[in-house]
């Protein structure tokens, strides 16, 4: 099934202060070169500041001495990483809007996968240890941050690696921590949501924790999914640089109705139900 992103939006009223830019949803091809050059002129210094100044300050708050201090219902380390991720998204011109609430405590969060920006989008709202392809570990800045953000790296196609990933996920969930996964197993160009691999849900079933589907939509009514996604043959760095020059647009995070332990039978049915709820959120 290839969901069609709707023209009308039915997820609530947008305030005048947070209304999207008139450029929201513009494609990379329609973007004027002068406007793109001006955005680079503004954002490159902001990015350098965020990496050279803000990042070391964030690290000072994630040392063994400070990391377990609590701010409200979360640790200082998690609060600092969330703030840094939200700041990175602002540098790239994304304006975050959240719907629903992420579950507290041990939970598995499952989301549709568009681009590398998905991890930062979710981390801006809730700290979770992601399962991600091992290649991300070597990506500049993002790979290092992913490791600091408790990412579980997986070598795709390796049964042995997947077994280790499931074991680590189960241990974290039983220890009261959360994990995040992209059950499609990879990005698909932003034009469709693929089938969810059921095996990854085994950790949630065995740990007896809820699964919360999360729909990620970029642009007005999700009309920038394909702009944000990796283009054919595009590398991480190519996508990174291109997105840095894109017009301002929305990034919506929809925390959907969770699937509670015992609500449905088996990991395959959980996978189908999680996907169904995300597709409905994307197309309603």
Protein backbone atom coordinates (compact mmCIF):
# COMPACT_ATOMS: atom_id res chain seq x y z
CA UNK A 1 0.00 0.00 0.00
CA UNK A 2 1.32 3.46 -0.94
CA UNK A 3 -0.38 6.06 1.24
CA UNK A 4 -1.27 9.38 -0.38
CA UNK A 5 -0.54 12.37 1.81
CA UNK A 6 -3.74 14.43 2.11
CA UNK A 7 -4.19 18.05 1.14
CA UNK A 8 -6.38 18.80 4.16
CA UNK A 9 -4.95 18.54 7.64
CA UNK A 10 -7.12 17.26 10.50
CA UNK A 11 -4.74 17.09 13.44
CA UNK A 12 -5.71 20.30 15.25
CA UNK A 13 -5.52 24.06 14.97
CA UNK A 14 -2.21 25.71 14.08
CA UNK A 15 -1.55 28.90 16.02
CA UNK A 16 -0.46 32.01 14.15
CA UNK A 17 2.87 32.02 16.00
CA UNK A 18 3.66 28.46 14.92
CA UNK A 19 2.16 28.59 11.47
CA UNK A 20 4.41 27.06 8.79
CA UNK A 21 6.42 29.18 6.41
CA UNK A 22 4.78 29.89 3.02
CA UNK A 23 7.72 27.90 1.60
CA UNK A 24 6.72 24.79 3.58
CA UNK A 25 6.51 21.81 1.25
CA UNK A 26 8.53 23.38 -1.54
CA UNK A 27 10.51 20.84 -3.47
CA UNK A 28 14.24 20.90 -3.95
CA UNK A 29 13.75 21.43 -7.71
CA UNK A 30 11.45 24.45 -7.32
CA UNK A 31 13.70 26.20 -4.83
CA UNK A 32 15.39 29.38 -6.08
CA UNK A 33 19.22 29.15 -6.04
CA UNK A 34 19.53 32.60 -4.44
CA UNK A 35 17.18 31.67 -1.59
CA UNK A 36 19.08 28.42 -1.02
CA UNK A 37 22.41 30.27 -0.98
CA UNK A 38 21.08 32.72 1.60
CA UNK A 39 19.91 29.85 3.82
CA UNK A 40 23.39 28.30 3.67
CA UNK A 41 24.86 31.68 4.54
CA UNK A 42 22.75 31.79 7.70
CA UNK A 43 22.69 28.14 8.69
CA UNK A 44 26.30 27.06 8.20
CA UNK A 45 27.53 29.42 10.97
CA UNK A 46 24.63 28.27 13.18
CA UNK A 47 25.58 24.64 12.57
CA UNK A 48 29.23 25.34 13.41
CA UNK A 49 28.16 27.06 16.63
CA UNK A 50 25.89 24.15 17.50
CA UNK A 51 28.71 21.64 17.02
CA UNK A 52 31.67 23.66 18.38
CA UNK A 53 29.97 25.45 21.28
CA UNK A 54 26.67 23.75 22.16
CA UNK A 55 27.94 20.19 21.78
CA UNK A 56 30.79 20.50 24.35
CA UNK A 57 28.34 22.13 26.78
CA UNK A 58 25.98 19.20 26.25
CA UNK A 59 28.80 16.76 26.94
CA UNK A 60 29.57 18.51 30.23
CA UNK A 61 26.05 17.59 31.31
CA UNK A 62 26.50 13.92 30.40
CA UNK A 63 29.56 13.10 32.51
CA UNK A 64 29.41 10.32 35.14
CA UNK A 65 29.16 13.05 37.79
CA UNK A 66 26.13 14.83 36.30
CA UNK A 67 24.40 12.31 34.04
CA UNK A 68 22.20 10.76 36.75
CA UNK A 69 20.98 14.04 38.23
CA UNK A 70 17.27 14.37 37.64
CA UNK A 71 15.33 17.25 36.13
CA UNK A 72 11.65 16.52 36.58
CA UNK A 73 10.94 12.99 35.45
CA UNK A 74 14.12 12.47 33.41
CA UNK A 75 17.86 12.54 33.94
CA UNK A 76 19.94 15.60 33.16
CA UNK A 77 21.80 13.60 30.49
CA UNK A 78 18.58 12.77 28.66
CA UNK A 79 17.30 16.33 28.94
CA UNK A 80 20.58 17.67 27.51
CA UNK A 81 20.54 15.27 24.55
CA UNK A 82 16.90 16.11 23.81
CA UNK A 83 17.67 19.83 23.86
CA UNK A 84 20.68 19.39 21.56
CA UNK A 85 18.63 17.33 19.08
CA UNK A 86 15.86 19.94 19.03
CA UNK A 87 18.48 22.63 18.45
CA UNK A 88 19.95 20.72 15.51
CA UNK A 89 16.52 20.46 13.91
CA UNK A 90 16.02 24.22 14.29
CA UNK A 91 19.36 24.82 12.55
CA UNK A 92 18.03 22.78 9.61
CA UNK A 93 14.84 24.85 9.53
CA UNK A 94 12.48 22.28 11.01
CA UNK A 95 9.71 23.50 13.30
CA UNK A 96 8.68 20.73 15.64
CA UNK A 97 5.07 19.97 16.46
CA UNK A 98 4.11 17.07 18.72
CA UNK A 99 0.77 15.33 19.00
CA UNK A 100 0.07 12.89 21.80
CA UNK A 101 2.41 11.93 24.60
CA UNK A 102 5.29 9.43 24.63
CA UNK A 103 4.91 6.63 27.15
CA UNK A 104 7.06 6.88 30.27
CA UNK A 105 9.27 4.06 31.49
CA UNK A 106 10.05 0.90 29.56
CA UNK A 107 8.47 0.93 26.11
CA UNK A 108 9.24 0.14 22.50
CA UNK A 109 8.67 3.05 20.11
CA UNK A 110 8.22 2.14 16.45
CA UNK A 111 8.18 4.73 13.65
CA UNK A 112 8.11 5.04 9.88
CA UNK A 113 11.57 5.72 8.47
CA UNK A 114 12.26 8.62 6.11
CA UNK A 115 15.85 9.80 6.67
CA UNK A 116 18.63 10.12 9.23
CA UNK A 117 16.78 13.15 10.60
CA UNK A 118 14.17 10.78 12.10
CA UNK A 119 16.48 9.85 14.98
CA UNK A 120 17.05 13.50 15.90
CA UNK A 121 13.33 14.21 15.57
CA UNK A 122 12.41 11.45 18.00
CA UNK A 123 15.30 12.23 20.35
CA UNK A 124 14.04 15.80 20.60
CA UNK A 125 10.90 14.45 22.27
CA UNK A 126 11.90 11.33 24.18
CA UNK A 127 15.21 9.67 24.92
CA UNK A 128 15.32 6.13 23.52
CA UNK A 129 18.06 3.75 22.44
CA UNK A 130 17.62 3.24 18.70
CA UNK A 131 18.34 0.19 16.63
CA UNK A 132 20.17 1.55 13.58
CA UNK A 133 22.33 0.23 10.76
CA UNK A 134 26.01 -0.07 11.66
CA UNK A 135 27.03 2.32 8.87
CA UNK A 136 25.60 5.24 10.87
CA UNK A 137 28.36 4.75 13.43
CA UNK A 138 30.89 6.11 10.89
CA UNK A 139 28.83 9.16 9.85
CA UNK A 140 30.33 12.53 10.87
CA UNK A 141 28.84 14.04 14.05
CA UNK A 142 25.57 12.09 13.75
CA UNK A 143 27.28 8.72 14.19
CA UNK A 144 29.14 9.85 17.28
CA UNK A 145 25.98 11.39 18.71
CA UNK A 146 24.04 8.22 17.96
CA UNK A 147 26.54 6.23 20.01
CA UNK A 148 26.21 8.72 22.88
CA UNK A 149 22.44 8.42 22.52
CA UNK A 150 22.49 4.71 23.42
CA UNK A 151 22.05 3.51 19.83
CA UNK A 152 22.22 -0.25 19.26
CA UNK A 153 24.06 -0.77 15.97
CA UNK A 154 22.97 -3.63 13.73
CA UNK A 155 24.77 -5.18 10.77
CA UNK A 156 21.98 -5.71 8.25
CA UNK A 157 21.63 -9.19 6.85
CA UNK A 158 23.50 -10.77 9.75
CA UNK A 159 21.45 -13.23 11.80
CA UNK A 160 24.13 -13.21 14.48
CA UNK A 161 23.98 -9.41 14.71
CA UNK A 162 20.18 -9.43 14.94
CA UNK A 163 20.35 -11.96 17.76
CA UNK A 164 22.69 -9.66 19.67
CA UNK A 165 20.42 -6.67 19.01
CA UNK A 166 17.36 -8.51 20.33
CA UNK A 167 19.29 -9.60 23.42
CA UNK A 168 20.39 -6.00 24.13
CA UNK A 169 16.88 -4.63 23.54
CA UNK A 170 15.39 -7.18 25.91
CA UNK A 171 17.95 -6.34 28.59
CA UNK A 172 17.22 -2.63 28.33
CA UNK A 173 13.45 -3.07 28.42
CA UNK A 174 13.65 -5.34 31.44
CA UNK A 175 15.83 -2.70 33.08
CA UNK A 176 13.08 -0.09 32.70
CA UNK A 177 14.58 1.73 29.70
CA UNK A 178 13.04 2.45 26.30
CA UNK A 179 14.12 1.49 22.80
CA UNK A 180 13.20 2.83 19.37
CA UNK A 181 13.07 0.92 16.10
CA UNK A 182 12.24 1.48 12.44
CA UNK A 183 10.52 -1.83 11.62
CA UNK A 184 10.63 -1.27 7.85
CA UNK A 185 14.33 -2.09 8.06
CA UNK A 186 15.38 0.89 5.94
CA UNK A 187 14.23 4.02 4.14
CA UNK A 188 12.01 3.86 1.06
CA UNK A 189 12.27 7.26 -0.57
CA UNK A 190 9.45 8.80 1.49
CA UNK A 191 6.70 7.67 -0.89
CA UNK A 192 5.47 4.61 0.96
CA UNK A 193 5.48 2.79 4.26
CA UNK A 194 6.78 -0.73 3.80
CA UNK A 195 5.85 -3.86 5.72
CA UNK A 196 7.04 -4.07 9.32
CA UNK A 197 9.42 -6.90 10.16
CA UNK A 198 7.78 -8.84 12.99
CA UNK A 199 10.90 -10.35 14.54
CA UNK A 200 12.07 -7.03 15.99
CA UNK A 201 8.91 -6.97 18.17
CA UNK A 202 10.00 -10.14 19.97
CA UNK A 203 11.86 -8.11 22.61
CA UNK A 204 8.69 -6.21 23.55
CA UNK A 205 6.67 -9.43 23.73
CA UNK A 206 9.19 -11.20 25.96
CA UNK A 207 9.72 -8.14 28.18
CA UNK A 208 5.98 -7.57 28.51
CA UNK A 209 6.17 -3.84 27.68
CA UNK A 210 3.89 -1.65 25.54
CA UNK A 211 4.63 -0.77 21.91
CA UNK A 212 3.87 2.82 20.89
CA UNK A 213 3.61 3.60 17.17
CA UNK A 214 4.94 7.01 16.10
CA UNK A 215 4.10 8.71 12.80
CA UNK A 216 6.73 11.11 11.44
CA UNK A 217 5.47 13.66 8.91
CA UNK A 218 7.58 16.33 7.25
CA UNK A 219 6.05 19.38 5.60
CA UNK A 220 2.43 20.49 5.53
CA UNK A 221 0.29 17.33 5.57
CA UNK A 222 3.44 15.29 5.03
CA UNK A 223 4.04 16.74 1.56
CA UNK A 224 7.82 16.90 2.07
CA UNK A 225 8.41 13.22 2.84
CA UNK A 226 10.13 12.63 -0.49
CA UNK A 227 12.13 15.87 -0.20
CA UNK A 228 13.52 14.89 3.21
CA UNK A 229 14.18 11.28 2.18
CA UNK A 230 17.40 10.13 0.55
CA UNK A 231 17.28 10.70 -3.19
CA UNK A 232 18.38 7.95 -5.56
CA UNK A 233 22.12 7.43 -5.12
CA UNK A 234 22.37 10.18 -2.50
CA UNK A 235 24.92 9.68 0.28
CA UNK A 236 24.46 10.67 3.91
CA UNK A 237 26.65 13.75 3.43
CA UNK A 238 24.78 14.68 0.26
CA UNK A 239 21.45 14.45 2.07
CA UNK A 240 22.86 16.35 5.06
CA UNK A 241 24.10 19.26 2.92
CA UNK A 242 20.93 19.37 0.80
CA UNK A 243 18.60 19.44 3.81
CA UNK A 244 20.67 22.24 5.38
CA UNK A 245 19.65 24.46 2.45
CA UNK A 246 15.98 23.45 2.32
CA UNK A 247 13.16 25.91 3.12
CA UNK A 248 11.70 26.02 6.61
CA UNK A 249 9.07 23.33 7.16
CA UNK A 250 7.15 21.43 9.79
CA UNK A 251 8.27 18.23 11.43
CA UNK A 252 5.29 16.52 13.04
CA UNK A 253 5.68 13.77 15.61
CA UNK A 254 2.49 11.84 16.31
CA UNK A 255 2.66 9.60 19.38
CA UNK A 256 -0.21 7.24 18.70
CA UNK A 257 -2.33 4.90 20.81
CA UNK A 258 0.02 2.30 22.32
CA UNK A 259 -0.39 -1.43 21.95
CA UNK A 260 -0.46 -2.74 25.51
CA UNK A 261 0.89 -6.14 26.60
CA UNK A 262 -1.77 -8.81 25.96
CA UNK A 263 -3.86 -6.50 23.75
CA UNK A 264 -3.20 -8.67 20.71
CA UNK A 265 -1.60 -12.05 20.10
CA UNK A 266 1.92 -12.51 18.79
CA UNK A 267 4.62 -10.30 17.38
CA UNK A 268 3.29 -10.49 13.82
CA UNK A 269 -0.09 -9.09 14.80
CA UNK A 270 1.62 -6.35 16.86
CA UNK A 271 3.69 -5.42 13.80
CA UNK A 272 0.58 -5.25 11.60
CA UNK A 273 -1.37 -3.18 14.12
CA UNK A 274 1.53 -0.74 14.68
CA UNK A 275 1.91 -0.21 10.94
CA UNK A 276 -1.85 0.21 10.51
CA UNK A 277 -1.99 2.97 13.13
CA UNK A 278 0.95 4.83 11.55
CA UNK A 279 -0.55 4.61 8.03
CA UNK A 280 -3.89 5.88 9.35
CA UNK A 281 -2.16 8.83 11.01
CA UNK A 282 -0.28 9.63 7.80
CA UNK A 283 -3.36 9.50 5.58
CA UNK A 284 -6.12 10.93 7.79
